[in-house]
Amino acid sequence: MSHLSILPTAYTRADLLETALQHEGFDVAKSAVMAPFNGKSHLVDLLANLPDGSPSLGWGLGSDGVITMVGDLQRLARHQSLEARLQRVARRYALLAALESMDCFGSSATMIIESF
């Protein structure tokens, strides 16, 4: 049995990212326009908002297949609770991706999840 304690996370699946964001309490819209910052609006593949009035976060799919976050860093820095939420989103995304990849192994795969 393999032991895996760290899952590097590069977002490549919008559906898994959407699920992870929703589990963390974000309202998510697909193919949306993000509120203007730096003088212009931004079209994003996923737009996430929290009910507490935190700034919107957007994610766009790049030509390399990696999904990157778009946001006003100055406004985001004022909301310290976002950092912890985004860390939990990353962990949930990694877990969802790992669980889904196990499906391709059928009944021969086993995963044990331990919290530290």
PDB file of N, CA and C in Angstrom:
ATOM      1  N   MET A   1       0.837  -1.168   0.000  1.00  0.00           N
ATOM      2  CA  MET A   1       0.000   0.000   0.000  1.00  0.00           C
ATOM      3  C   MET A   1       0.888   1.240   0.000  1.00  0.00           C
ATOM      4  N   SER A   2       0.536   2.216  -0.788  1.00  0.00           N
ATOM      5  CA  SER A   2       1.283   3.471  -0.848  1.00  0.00           C
ATOM      6  C   SER A   2       0.814   4.407   0.249  1.00  0.00           C
ATOM      7  N   HIS A   3       1.698   5.303   0.640  1.00  0.00           N
ATOM      8  CA  HIS A   3       1.334   6.339   1.602  1.00  0.00           C
ATOM      9  C   HIS A   3       1.530   7.681   0.922  1.00  0.00           C
ATOM     10  N   LEU A   4       0.501   8.480   0.913  1.00  0.00           N
ATOM     11  CA  LEU A   4       0.552   9.796   0.282  1.00  0.00           C
ATOM     12  C   LEU A   4       0.098  10.818   1.302  1.00  0.00           C
ATOM     13  N   SER A   5       0.967  11.753   1.637  1.00  0.00           N
ATOM     14  CA  SER A   5       0.594  12.726   2.651  1.00  0.00           C
ATOM     15  C   SER A   5       0.403  14.130   2.087  1.00  0.00           C
ATOM     16  N   ILE A   6       0.947  14.406   0.923  1.00  0.00           N
ATOM     17  CA  ILE A   6       0.818  15.732   0.320  1.00  0.00           C
ATOM     18  C   ILE A   6       0.355  15.560  -1.119  1.00  0.00           C
ATOM     19  N   LEU A   7      -0.705  16.276  -1.466  1.00  0.00           N
ATOM     20  CA  LEU A   7      -1.206  16.249  -2.833  1.00  0.00           C
ATOM     21  C   LEU A   7      -0.978  17.618  -3.461  1.00  0.00           C
ATOM     22  N   PRO A   8      -0.040  17.730  -4.401  1.00  0.00           N
ATOM     23  CA  PRO A   8       0.127  19.028  -5.063  1.00  0.00           C
ATOM     24  C   PRO A   8      -1.157  19.353  -5.824  1.00  0.00           C
ATOM     25  N   THR A   9      -1.553  20.615  -5.775  1.00  0.00           N
ATOM     26  CA  THR A   9      -2.837  20.980  -6.350  1.00  0.00           C
ATOM     27  C   THR A   9      -2.671  22.017  -7.449  1.00  0.00           C
ATOM     28  N   ALA A  10      -2.900  21.584  -8.664  1.00  0.00           N
ATOM     29  CA  ALA A  10      -3.042  22.497  -9.796  1.00  0.00           C
ATOM     30  C   ALA A  10      -4.462  22.277 -10.285  1.00  0.00           C
ATOM     31  N   TYR A  11      -5.260  23.318 -10.261  1.00  0.00           N
ATOM     32  CA  TYR A  11      -6.651  23.178 -10.678  1.00  0.00           C
ATOM     33  C   TYR A  11      -6.716  22.963 -12.187  1.00  0.00           C
ATOM     34  N   THR A  12      -7.284  21.843 -12.579  1.00  0.00           N
ATOM     35  CA  THR A  12      -7.455  21.545 -14.005  1.00  0.00           C
ATOM     36  C   THR A  12      -8.881  21.124 -14.332  1.00  0.00           C
ATOM     37  N   ARG A  13      -9.707  20.936 -13.308  1.00  0.00           N
ATOM     38  CA  ARG A  13     -11.086  20.486 -13.486  1.00  0.00           C
ATOM     39  C   ARG A  13     -12.035  21.507 -12.876  1.00  0.00           C
ATOM     40  N   ALA A  14     -12.754  22.223 -13.728  1.00  0.00           N
ATOM     41  CA  ALA A  14     -13.683  23.247 -13.249  1.00  0.00           C
ATOM     42  C   ALA A  14     -14.811  22.639 -12.429  1.00  0.00           C
ATOM     43  N   ASP A  15     -15.265  21.433 -12.781  1.00  0.00           N
ATOM     44  CA  ASP A  15     -16.365  20.814 -12.040  1.00  0.00           C
ATOM     45  C   ASP A  15     -15.953  20.485 -10.609  1.00  0.00           C
ATOM     46  N   LEU A  16     -14.734  19.991 -10.417  1.00  0.00           N
ATOM     47  CA  LEU A  16     -14.259  19.692  -9.061  1.00  0.00           C
ATOM     48  C   LEU A  16     -14.009  20.969  -8.266  1.00  0.00           C
ATOM     49  N   LEU A  17     -13.492  21.992  -8.925  1.00  0.00           N
ATOM     50  CA  LEU A  17     -13.274  23.268  -8.252  1.00  0.00           C
ATOM     51  C   LEU A  17     -14.610  23.877  -7.831  1.00  0.00           C
ATOM     52  N   GLU A  18     -15.600  23.803  -8.705  1.00  0.00           N
ATOM     53  CA  GLU A  18     -16.927  24.322  -8.370  1.00  0.00           C
ATOM     54  C   GLU A  18     -17.491  23.603  -7.140  1.00  0.00           C
ATOM     55  N   THR A  19     -17.372  22.289  -7.112  1.00  0.00           N
ATOM     56  CA  THR A  19     -17.863  21.513  -5.964  1.00  0.00           C
ATOM     57  C   THR A  19     -17.129  21.889  -4.686  1.00  0.00           C
ATOM     58  N   ALA A  20     -15.800  22.018  -4.767  1.00  0.00           N
ATOM     59  CA  ALA A  20     -15.008  22.382  -3.590  1.00  0.00           C
ATOM     60  C   ALA A  20     -15.399  23.769  -3.075  1.00  0.00           C
ATOM     61  N   LEU A  21     -15.611  24.706  -3.975  1.00  0.00           N
ATOM     62  CA  LEU A  21     -16.021  26.057  -3.580  1.00  0.00           C
ATOM     63  C   LEU A  21     -17.395  26.036  -2.914  1.00  0.00           C
ATOM     64  N   GLN A  22     -18.315  25.293  -3.482  1.00  0.00           N
ATOM     65  CA  GLN A  22     -19.662  25.217  -2.917  1.00  0.00           C
ATOM     66  C   GLN A  22     -19.636  24.585  -1.527  1.00  0.00           C
ATOM     67  N   HIS A  23     -18.824  23.560  -1.334  1.00  0.00           N
ATOM     68  CA  HIS A  23     -18.708  22.934  -0.018  1.00  0.00           C
ATOM     69  C   HIS A  23     -18.154  23.906   1.016  1.00  0.00           C
ATOM     70  N   GLU A  24     -17.407  24.894   0.566  1.00  0.00           N
ATOM     71  CA  GLU A  24     -16.822  25.873   1.483  1.00  0.00           C
ATOM     72  C   GLU A  24     -17.718  27.100   1.648  1.00  0.00           C
ATOM     73  N   GLY A  25     -18.926  27.058   1.093  1.00  0.00           N
ATOM     74  CA  GLY A  25     -19.901  28.127   1.320  1.00  0.00           C
ATOM     75  C   GLY A  25     -19.955  29.205   0.263  1.00  0.00           C
ATOM     76  N   PHE A  26     -19.226  29.047  -0.828  1.00  0.00           N
ATOM     77  CA  PHE A  26     -19.268  30.033  -1.903  1.00  0.00           C
ATOM     78  C   PHE A  26     -20.487  29.792  -2.796  1.00  0.00           C
ATOM     79  N   ASP A  27     -21.082  30.878  -3.273  1.00  0.00           N
ATOM     80  CA  ASP A  27     -22.063  30.807  -4.346  1.00  0.00           C
ATOM     81  C   ASP A  27     -21.258  30.878  -5.636  1.00  0.00           C
ATOM     82  N   VAL A  28     -21.479  29.921  -6.541  1.00  0.00           N
ATOM     83  CA  VAL A  28     -20.650  29.831  -7.749  1.00  0.00           C
ATOM     84  C   VAL A  28     -21.512  30.002  -8.990  1.00  0.00           C
ATOM     85  N   ALA A  29     -21.037  30.847  -9.904  1.00  0.00           N
ATOM     86  CA  ALA A  29     -21.689  31.035 -11.200  1.00  0.00           C
ATOM     87  C   ALA A  29     -20.689  30.659 -12.287  1.00  0.00           C
ATOM     88  N   LYS A  30     -21.190  30.027 -13.340  1.00  0.00           N
ATOM     89  CA  LYS A  30     -20.336  29.655 -14.478  1.00  0.00           C
ATOM     90  C   LYS A  30     -20.403  30.731 -15.551  1.00  0.00           C
ATOM     91  N   SER A  31     -19.296  30.896 -16.272  1.00  0.00           N
ATOM     92  CA  SER A  31     -19.208  31.860 -17.379  1.00  0.00           C
ATOM     93  C   SER A  31     -19.835  33.195 -16.990  1.00  0.00           C
ATOM     94  N   ALA A  32     -19.215  33.874 -16.057  1.00  0.00           N
ATOM     95  CA  ALA A  32     -19.751  35.121 -15.515  1.00  0.00           C
ATOM     96  C   ALA A  32     -18.766  36.266 -15.716  1.00  0.00           C
ATOM     97  N   VAL A  33     -19.268  37.462 -15.525  1.00  0.00           N
ATOM     98  CA  VAL A  33     -18.432  38.653 -15.599  1.00  0.00           C
ATOM     99  C   VAL A  33     -18.140  39.105 -14.181  1.00  0.00           C
ATOM    100  N   MET A  34     -16.876  39.248 -13.900  1.00  0.00           N
ATOM    101  CA  MET A  34     -16.424  39.671 -12.578  1.00  0.00           C
ATOM    102  C   MET A  34     -16.489  41.188 -12.484  1.00  0.00           C
ATOM    103  N   ALA A  35     -16.874  41.698 -11.313  1.00  0.00           N
ATOM    104  CA  ALA A  35     -16.946  43.142 -11.093  1.00  0.00           C
ATOM    105  C   ALA A  35     -15.620  43.796 -11.464  1.00  0.00           C
ATOM    106  N   PRO A  36     -15.677  45.008 -11.965  1.00  0.00           N
ATOM    107  CA  PRO A  36     -14.457  45.673 -12.419  1.00  0.00           C
ATOM    108  C   PRO A  36     -13.445  45.929 -11.316  1.00  0.00           C
ATOM    109  N   PHE A  37     -12.196  45.706 -11.647  1.00  0.00           N
ATOM    110  CA  PHE A  37     -11.068  46.184 -10.859  1.00  0.00           C
ATOM    111  C   PHE A  37      -9.967  46.473 -11.858  1.00  0.00           C
ATOM    112  N   ASN A  38      -9.080  47.362 -11.509  1.00  0.00           N
ATOM    113  CA  ASN A  38      -8.062  47.856 -12.445  1.00  0.00           C
ATOM    114  C   ASN A  38      -8.706  48.466 -13.688  1.00  0.00           C
ATOM    115  N   GLY A  39      -9.914  48.988 -13.512  1.00  0.00           N
ATOM    116  CA  GLY A  39     -10.566  49.696 -14.603  1.00  0.00           C
ATOM    117  C   GLY A  39     -11.273  48.856 -15.632  1.00  0.00           C
ATOM    118  N   LYS A  40     -11.330  47.529 -15.458  1.00  0.00           N
ATOM    119  CA  LYS A  40     -12.044  46.730 -16.446  1.00  0.00           C
ATOM    120  C   LYS A  40     -12.666  45.492 -15.811  1.00  0.00           C
ATOM    121  N   SER A  41     -13.735  45.017 -16.449  1.00  0.00           N
ATOM    122  CA  SER A  41     -14.390  43.789 -16.012  1.00  0.00           C
ATOM    123  C   SER A  41     -13.639  42.598 -16.585  1.00  0.00           C
ATOM    124  N   HIS A  42     -13.847  41.436 -15.969  1.00  0.00           N
ATOM    125  CA  HIS A  42     -13.143  40.236 -16.410  1.00  0.00           C
ATOM    126  C   HIS A  42     -14.145  39.106 -16.602  1.00  0.00           C
ATOM    127  N   LEU A  43     -14.112  38.470 -17.759  1.00  0.00           N
ATOM    128  CA  LEU A  43     -14.920  37.285 -18.011  1.00  0.00           C
ATOM    129  C   LEU A  43     -14.185  36.098 -17.398  1.00  0.00           C
ATOM    130  N   VAL A  44     -14.883  35.335 -16.545  1.00  0.00           N
ATOM    131  CA  VAL A  44     -14.265  34.196 -15.875  1.00  0.00           C
ATOM    132  C   VAL A  44     -15.114  32.957 -16.085  1.00  0.00           C
ATOM    133  N   ASP A  45     -14.472  31.806 -16.006  1.00  0.00           N
ATOM    134  CA  ASP A  45     -15.194  30.538 -16.151  1.00  0.00           C
ATOM    135  C   ASP A  45     -16.005  30.221 -14.902  1.00  0.00           C
ATOM    136  N   LEU A  46     -15.471  30.541 -13.726  1.00  0.00           N
ATOM    137  CA  LEU A  46     -16.178  30.375 -12.457  1.00  0.00           C
ATOM    138  C   LEU A  46     -16.062  31.667 -11.661  1.00  0.00           C
ATOM    139  N   LEU A  47     -17.180  32.108 -11.108  1.00  0.00           N
ATOM    140  CA  LEU A  47     -17.196  33.290 -10.257  1.00  0.00           C
ATOM    141  C   LEU A  47     -17.735  32.866  -8.905  1.00  0.00           C
ATOM    142  N   ALA A  48     -16.965  33.112  -7.842  1.00  0.00           N
ATOM    143  CA  ALA A  48     -17.353  32.689  -6.502  1.00  0.00           C
ATOM    144  C   ALA A  48     -17.543  33.895  -5.600  1.00  0.00           C
ATOM    145  N   ASN A  49     -18.648  33.874  -4.863  1.00  0.00           N
ATOM    146  CA  ASN A  49     -18.963  34.934  -3.910  1.00  0.00           C
ATOM    147  C   ASN A  49     -19.345  34.314  -2.576  1.00  0.00           C
ATOM    148  N   LEU A  50     -19.000  35.006  -1.513  1.00  0.00           N
ATOM    149  CA  LEU A  50     -19.428  34.615  -0.169  1.00  0.00           C
ATOM    150  C   LEU A  50     -20.542  35.556   0.269  1.00  0.00           C
ATOM    151  N   PRO A  51     -21.478  35.066   1.056  1.00  0.00           N
ATOM    152  CA  PRO A  51     -22.565  35.924   1.515  1.00  0.00           C
ATOM    153  C   PRO A  51     -22.124  37.035   2.469  1.00  0.00           C
ATOM    154  N   ASP A  52     -20.890  36.973   2.989  1.00  0.00           N
ATOM    155  CA  ASP A  52     -20.428  37.975   3.967  1.00  0.00           C
ATOM    156  C   ASP A  52     -19.921  39.263   3.337  1.00  0.00           C
ATOM    157  N   GLY A  53     -20.011  39.396   2.015  1.00  0.00           N
ATOM    158  CA  GLY A  53     -19.565  40.622   1.362  1.00  0.00           C
ATOM    159  C   GLY A  53     -18.098  40.646   0.993  1.00  0.00           C
ATOM    160  N   SER A  54     -17.400  39.526   1.133  1.00  0.00           N
ATOM    161  CA  SER A  54     -16.006  39.447   0.696  1.00  0.00           C
ATOM    162  C   SER A  54     -15.939  39.708  -0.806  1.00  0.00           C
ATOM    163  N   PRO A  55     -14.784  40.137  -1.293  1.00  0.00           N
ATOM    164  CA  PRO A  55     -14.654  40.384  -2.728  1.00  0.00           C
ATOM    165  C   PRO A  55     -14.866  39.105  -3.538  1.00  0.00           C
ATOM    166  N   SER A  56     -15.364  39.276  -4.749  1.00  0.00           N
ATOM    167  CA  SER A  56     -15.553  38.144  -5.648  1.00  0.00           C
ATOM    168  C   SER A  56     -14.215  37.557  -6.050  1.00  0.00           C
ATOM    169  N   LEU A  57     -14.229  36.255  -6.286  1.00  0.00           N
ATOM    170  CA  LEU A  57     -13.056  35.558  -6.794  1.00  0.00           C
ATOM    171  C   LEU A  57     -13.455  34.918  -8.112  1.00  0.00           C
ATOM    172  N   GLY A  58     -12.572  34.978  -9.071  1.00  0.00           N
ATOM    173  CA  GLY A  58     -12.845  34.359 -10.359  1.00  0.00           C
ATOM    174  C   GLY A  58     -11.762  33.372 -10.719  1.00  0.00           C
ATOM    175  N   TRP A  59     -12.126  32.406 -11.560  1.00  0.00           N
ATOM    176  CA  TRP A  59     -11.170  31.440 -12.059  1.00  0.00           C
ATOM    177  C   TRP A  59     -11.365  31.305 -13.551  1.00  0.00           C
ATOM    178  N   GLY A  60     -10.252  31.298 -14.277  1.00  0.00           N
ATOM    179  CA  GLY A  60     -10.294  31.151 -15.725  1.00  0.00           C
ATOM    180  C   GLY A  60      -9.395  30.030 -16.191  1.00  0.00           C
ATOM    181  N   LEU A  61      -9.864  29.317 -17.192  1.00  0.00           N
ATOM    182  CA  LEU A  61      -9.103  28.209 -17.770  1.00  0.00           C
ATOM    183  C   LEU A  61      -8.108  28.758 -18.776  1.00  0.00           C
ATOM    184  N   GLY A  62      -6.834  28.467 -18.547  1.00  0.00           N
ATOM    185  CA  GLY A  62      -5.785  28.923 -19.444  1.00  0.00           C
ATOM    186  C   GLY A  62      -5.585  27.976 -20.612  1.00  0.00           C
ATOM    187  N   SER A  63      -4.839  28.403 -21.586  1.00  0.00           N
ATOM    188  CA  SER A  63      -4.583  27.578 -22.770  1.00  0.00           C
ATOM    189  C   SER A  63      -3.787  26.325 -22.432  1.00  0.00           C
ATOM    190  N   ASP A  64      -3.112  26.327 -21.268  1.00  0.00           N
ATOM    191  CA  ASP A  64      -2.344  25.164 -20.835  1.00  0.00           C
ATOM    192  C   ASP A  64      -3.189  24.162 -20.054  1.00  0.00           C
ATOM    193  N   GLY A  65      -4.490  24.458 -19.884  1.00  0.00           N
ATOM    194  CA  GLY A  65      -5.386  23.555 -19.171  1.00  0.00           C
ATOM    195  C   GLY A  65      -5.429  23.775 -17.675  1.00  0.00           C
ATOM    196  N   VAL A  66      -4.671  24.747 -17.172  1.00  0.00           N
ATOM    197  CA  VAL A  66      -4.644  25.037 -15.742  1.00  0.00           C
ATOM    198  C   VAL A  66      -5.597  26.197 -15.456  1.00  0.00           C
ATOM    199  N   ILE A  67      -6.359  26.059 -14.390  1.00  0.00           N
ATOM    200  CA  ILE A  67      -7.311  27.086 -13.990  1.00  0.00           C
ATOM    201  C   ILE A  67      -6.623  28.006 -12.994  1.00  0.00           C
ATOM    202  N   THR A  68      -6.635  29.307 -13.288  1.00  0.00           N
ATOM    203  CA  THR A  68      -5.964  30.271 -12.416  1.00  0.00           C
ATOM    204  C   THR A  68      -6.982  31.236 -11.805  1.00  0.00           C
ATOM    205  N   MET A  69      -6.655  31.706 -10.621  1.00  0.00           N
ATOM    206  CA  MET A  69      -7.536  32.635  -9.920  1.00  0.00           C
ATOM    207  C   MET A  69      -7.325  34.054 -10.412  1.00  0.00           C
ATOM    208  N   VAL A  70      -8.422  34.794 -10.491  1.00  0.00           N
ATOM    209  CA  VAL A  70      -8.409  36.204 -10.855  1.00  0.00           C
ATOM    210  C   VAL A  70      -9.051  36.958  -9.703  1.00  0.00           C
ATOM    211  N   GLY A  71      -8.406  37.997  -9.233  1.00  0.00           N
ATOM    212  CA  GLY A  71      -8.987  38.763  -8.137  1.00  0.00           C
ATOM    213  C   GLY A  71      -8.205  40.029  -7.868  1.00  0.00           C
ATOM    214  N   ASP A  72      -8.847  40.930  -7.183  1.00  0.00           N
ATOM    215  CA  ASP A  72      -8.222  42.181  -6.775  1.00  0.00           C
ATOM    216  C   ASP A  72      -7.440  41.906  -5.491  1.00  0.00           C
ATOM    217  N   LEU A  73      -6.143  41.703  -5.611  1.00  0.00           N
ATOM    218  CA  LEU A  73      -5.318  41.309  -4.471  1.00  0.00           C
ATOM    219  C   LEU A  73      -5.355  42.314  -3.331  1.00  0.00           C
ATOM    220  N   GLN A  74      -5.462  43.586  -3.649  1.00  0.00           N
ATOM    221  CA  GLN A  74      -5.520  44.601  -2.609  1.00  0.00           C
ATOM    222  C   GLN A  74      -6.777  44.425  -1.758  1.00  0.00           C
ATOM    223  N   ARG A  75      -7.916  44.210  -2.393  1.00  0.00           N
ATOM    224  CA  ARG A  75      -9.169  44.005  -1.652  1.00  0.00           C
ATOM    225  C   ARG A  75      -9.176  42.650  -0.958  1.00  0.00           C
ATOM    226  N   LEU A  76      -8.628  41.629  -1.596  1.00  0.00           N
ATOM    227  CA  LEU A  76      -8.604  40.296  -0.997  1.00  0.00           C
ATOM    228  C   LEU A  76      -7.760  40.262   0.271  1.00  0.00           C
ATOM    229  N   ALA A  77      -6.679  41.034   0.290  1.00  0.00           N
ATOM    230  CA  ALA A  77      -5.776  41.042   1.447  1.00  0.00           C
ATOM    231  C   ALA A  77      -6.464  41.559   2.704  1.00  0.00           C
ATOM    232  N   ARG A  78      -7.520  42.332   2.547  1.00  0.00           N
ATOM    233  CA  ARG A  78      -8.248  42.879   3.699  1.00  0.00           C
ATOM    234  C   ARG A  78      -9.166  41.845   4.350  1.00  0.00           C
ATOM    235  N   HIS A  79      -9.389  40.727   3.709  1.00  0.00           N
ATOM    236  CA  HIS A  79     -10.296  39.695   4.209  1.00  0.00           C
ATOM    237  C   HIS A  79      -9.486  38.452   4.567  1.00  0.00           C
ATOM    238  N   GLN A  80      -8.953  38.438   5.762  1.00  0.00           N
ATOM    239  CA  GLN A  80      -8.063  37.366   6.181  1.00  0.00           C
ATOM    240  C   GLN A  80      -8.748  36.011   6.251  1.00  0.00           C
ATOM    241  N   SER A  81     -10.052  35.980   6.448  1.00  0.00           N
ATOM    242  CA  SER A  81     -10.750  34.691   6.512  1.00  0.00           C
ATOM    243  C   SER A  81     -10.744  33.988   5.155  1.00  0.00           C
ATOM    244  N   LEU A  82     -10.548  34.742   4.083  1.00  0.00           N
ATOM    245  CA  LEU A  82     -10.505  34.137   2.754  1.00  0.00           C
ATOM    246  C   LEU A  82      -9.323  33.192   2.596  1.00  0.00           C
ATOM    247  N   GLU A  83      -8.197  33.532   3.195  1.00  0.00           N
ATOM    248  CA  GLU A  83      -7.004  32.698   3.057  1.00  0.00           C
ATOM    249  C   GLU A  83      -7.272  31.283   3.581  1.00  0.00           C
ATOM    250  N   ALA A  84      -7.860  31.191   4.756  1.00  0.00           N
ATOM    251  CA  ALA A  84      -8.160  29.878   5.334  1.00  0.00           C
ATOM    252  C   ALA A  84      -9.183  29.132   4.479  1.00  0.00           C
ATOM    253  N   ARG A  85     -10.183  29.850   4.002  1.00  0.00           N
ATOM    254  CA  ARG A  85     -11.196  29.210   3.141  1.00  0.00           C
ATOM    255  C   ARG A  85     -10.573  28.681   1.861  1.00  0.00           C
ATOM    256  N   LEU A  86      -9.702  29.462   1.256  1.00  0.00           N
ATOM    257  CA  LEU A  86      -9.069  29.027   0.006  1.00  0.00           C
ATOM    258  C   LEU A  86      -8.145  27.834   0.236  1.00  0.00           C
ATOM    259  N   GLN A  87      -7.516  27.775   1.401  1.00  0.00           N
ATOM    260  CA  GLN A  87      -6.707  26.597   1.723  1.00  0.00           C
ATOM    261  C   GLN A  87      -7.589  25.360   1.840  1.00  0.00           C
ATOM    262  N   ARG A  88      -8.767  25.520   2.458  1.00  0.00           N
ATOM    263  CA  ARG A  88      -9.692  24.386   2.567  1.00  0.00           C
ATOM    264  C   ARG A  88     -10.244  23.988   1.199  1.00  0.00           C
ATOM    265  N   VAL A  89     -10.474  24.978   0.327  1.00  0.00           N
ATOM    266  CA  VAL A  89     -10.917  24.673  -1.036  1.00  0.00           C
ATOM    267  C   VAL A  89      -9.860  23.837  -1.747  1.00  0.00           C
ATOM    268  N   ALA A  90      -8.598  24.224  -1.607  1.00  0.00           N
ATOM    269  CA  ALA A  90      -7.509  23.486  -2.262  1.00  0.00           C
ATOM    270  C   ALA A  90      -7.430  22.052  -1.743  1.00  0.00           C
ATOM    271  N   ARG A  91      -7.567  21.893  -0.428  1.00  0.00           N
ATOM    272  CA  ARG A  91      -7.519  20.537   0.139  1.00  0.00           C
ATOM    273  C   ARG A  91      -8.700  19.694  -0.329  1.00  0.00           C
ATOM    274  N   ARG A  92      -9.887  20.292  -0.359  1.00  0.00           N
ATOM    275  CA  ARG A  92     -11.067  19.549  -0.800  1.00  0.00           C
ATOM    276  C   ARG A  92     -10.951  19.185  -2.285  1.00  0.00           C
ATOM    277  N   TYR A  93     -10.454  20.121  -3.090  1.00  0.00           N
ATOM    278  CA  TYR A  93     -10.263  19.851  -4.520  1.00  0.00           C
ATOM    279  C   TYR A  93      -9.300  18.669  -4.692  1.00  0.00           C
ATOM    280  N   ALA A  94      -8.193  18.696  -3.964  1.00  0.00           N
ATOM    281  CA  ALA A  94      -7.213  17.610  -4.064  1.00  0.00           C
ATOM    282  C   ALA A  94      -7.827  16.276  -3.648  1.00  0.00           C
ATOM    283  N   LEU A  95      -8.625  16.300  -2.593  1.00  0.00           N
ATOM    284  CA  LEU A  95      -9.281  15.079  -2.138  1.00  0.00           C
ATOM    285  C   LEU A  95     -10.278  14.573  -3.174  1.00  0.00           C
ATOM    286  N   LEU A  96     -11.098  15.465  -3.721  1.00  0.00           N
ATOM    287  CA  LEU A  96     -12.062  15.066  -4.749  1.00  0.00           C
ATOM    288  C   LEU A  96     -11.360  14.480  -5.971  1.00  0.00           C
ATOM    289  N   ALA A  97     -10.252  15.102  -6.374  1.00  0.00           N
ATOM    290  CA  ALA A  97      -9.498  14.597  -7.526  1.00  0.00           C
ATOM    291  C   ALA A  97      -8.908  13.223  -7.227  1.00  0.00           C
ATOM    292  N   ALA A  98      -8.388  13.046  -6.013  1.00  0.00           N
ATOM    293  CA  ALA A  98      -7.810  11.750  -5.638  1.00  0.00           C
ATOM    294  C   ALA A  98      -8.885  10.672  -5.584  1.00  0.00           C
ATOM    295  N   LEU A  99     -10.028  10.998  -4.994  1.00  0.00           N
ATOM    296  CA  LEU A  99     -11.117  10.020  -4.919  1.00  0.00           C
ATOM    297  C   LEU A  99     -11.614   9.635  -6.304  1.00  0.00           C
ATOM    298  N   GLU A 100     -11.718  10.633  -7.170  1.00  0.00           N
ATOM    299  CA  GLU A 100     -12.177  10.334  -8.523  1.00  0.00           C
ATOM    300  C   GLU A 100     -11.167   9.489  -9.289  1.00  0.00           C
ATOM    301  N   SER A 101      -9.884   9.750  -9.097  1.00  0.00           N
ATOM    302  CA  SER A 101      -8.873   8.966  -9.806  1.00  0.00           C
ATOM    303  C   SER A 101      -8.845   7.527  -9.316  1.00  0.00           C
ATOM    304  N   MET A 102      -9.254   7.309  -8.064  1.00  0.00           N
ATOM    305  CA  MET A 102      -9.317   5.944  -7.537  1.00  0.00           C
ATOM    306  C   MET A 102     -10.395   5.125  -8.239  1.00  0.00           C
ATOM    307  N   ASP A 103     -11.444   5.794  -8.707  1.00  0.00           N
ATOM    308  CA  ASP A 103     -12.527   5.089  -9.390  1.00  0.00           C
ATOM    309  C   ASP A 103     -12.022   4.288 -10.586  1.00  0.00           C
ATOM    310  N   CYS A 104     -10.975   4.775 -11.235  1.00  0.00           N
ATOM    311  CA  CYS A 104     -10.477   4.078 -12.421  1.00  0.00           C
ATOM    312  C   CYS A 104      -9.757   2.777 -12.055  1.00  0.00           C
ATOM    313  N   PHE A 105      -9.411   2.589 -10.761  1.00  0.00           N
ATOM    314  CA  PHE A 105      -8.753   1.353 -10.338  1.00  0.00           C
ATOM    315  C   PHE A 105      -9.754   0.279  -9.920  1.00  0.00           C
ATOM    316  N   GLY A 106     -11.027   0.660  -9.815  1.00  0.00           N
ATOM    317  CA  GLY A 106     -12.047  -0.303  -9.427  1.00  0.00           C
ATOM    318  C   GLY A 106     -11.916  -0.705  -7.976  1.00  0.00           C
ATOM    319  N   SER A 107     -12.239  -1.938  -7.676  1.00  0.00           N
ATOM    320  CA  SER A 107     -12.270  -2.392  -6.285  1.00  0.00           C
ATOM    321  C   SER A 107     -10.885  -2.733  -5.735  1.00  0.00           C
ATOM    322  N   SER A 108      -9.829  -2.639  -6.547  1.00  0.00           N
ATOM    323  CA  SER A 108      -8.502  -2.974  -6.064  1.00  0.00           C
ATOM    324  C   SER A 108      -7.823  -1.836  -5.322  1.00  0.00           C
ATOM    325  N   ALA A 109      -8.414  -0.637  -5.331  1.00  0.00           N
ATOM    326  CA  ALA A 109      -7.807   0.518  -4.680  1.00  0.00           C
ATOM    327  C   ALA A 109      -8.390   0.722  -3.298  1.00  0.00           C
ATOM    328  N   THR A 110      -7.532   1.160  -2.377  1.00  0.00           N
ATOM    329  CA  THR A 110      -7.953   1.453  -1.010  1.00  0.00           C
ATOM    330  C   THR A 110      -7.356   2.792  -0.617  1.00  0.00           C
ATOM    331  N   MET A 111      -8.162   3.632   0.041  1.00  0.00           N
ATOM    332  CA  MET A 111      -7.645   4.899   0.524  1.00  0.00           C
ATOM    333  C   MET A 111      -7.990   5.034   1.999  1.00  0.00           C
ATOM    334  N   ILE A 112      -7.002   5.435   2.784  1.00  0.00           N
ATOM    335  CA  ILE A 112      -7.207   5.710   4.201  1.00  0.00           C
ATOM    336  C   ILE A 112      -6.919   7.186   4.393  1.00  0.00           C
ATOM    337  N   ILE A 113      -7.881   7.901   4.962  1.00  0.00           N
ATOM    338  CA  ILE A 113      -7.727   9.331   5.179  1.00  0.00           C
ATOM    339  C   ILE A 113      -7.543   9.559   6.667  1.00  0.00           C
ATOM    340  N   GLU A 114      -6.417  10.181   7.022  1.00  0.00           N
ATOM    341  CA  GLU A 114      -6.120  10.500   8.415  1.00  0.00           C
ATOM    342  C   GLU A 114      -5.931  11.989   8.544  1.00  0.00           C
ATOM    343  N   SER A 115      -6.482  12.561   9.583  1.00  0.00           N
ATOM    344  CA  SER A 115      -6.240  13.981   9.826  1.00  0.00           C
ATOM    345  C   SER A 115      -5.140  14.111  10.867  1.00  0.00           C
ATOM    346  N   PHE A 116      -4.324  15.125  10.697  1.00  0.00           N
ATOM    347  CA  PHE A 116      -3.197  15.345  11.604  1.00  0.00           C
ATOM    348  C   PHE A 116      -3.414  16.601  12.387  1.00  0.00           C
TER     349      PHE A 116
END
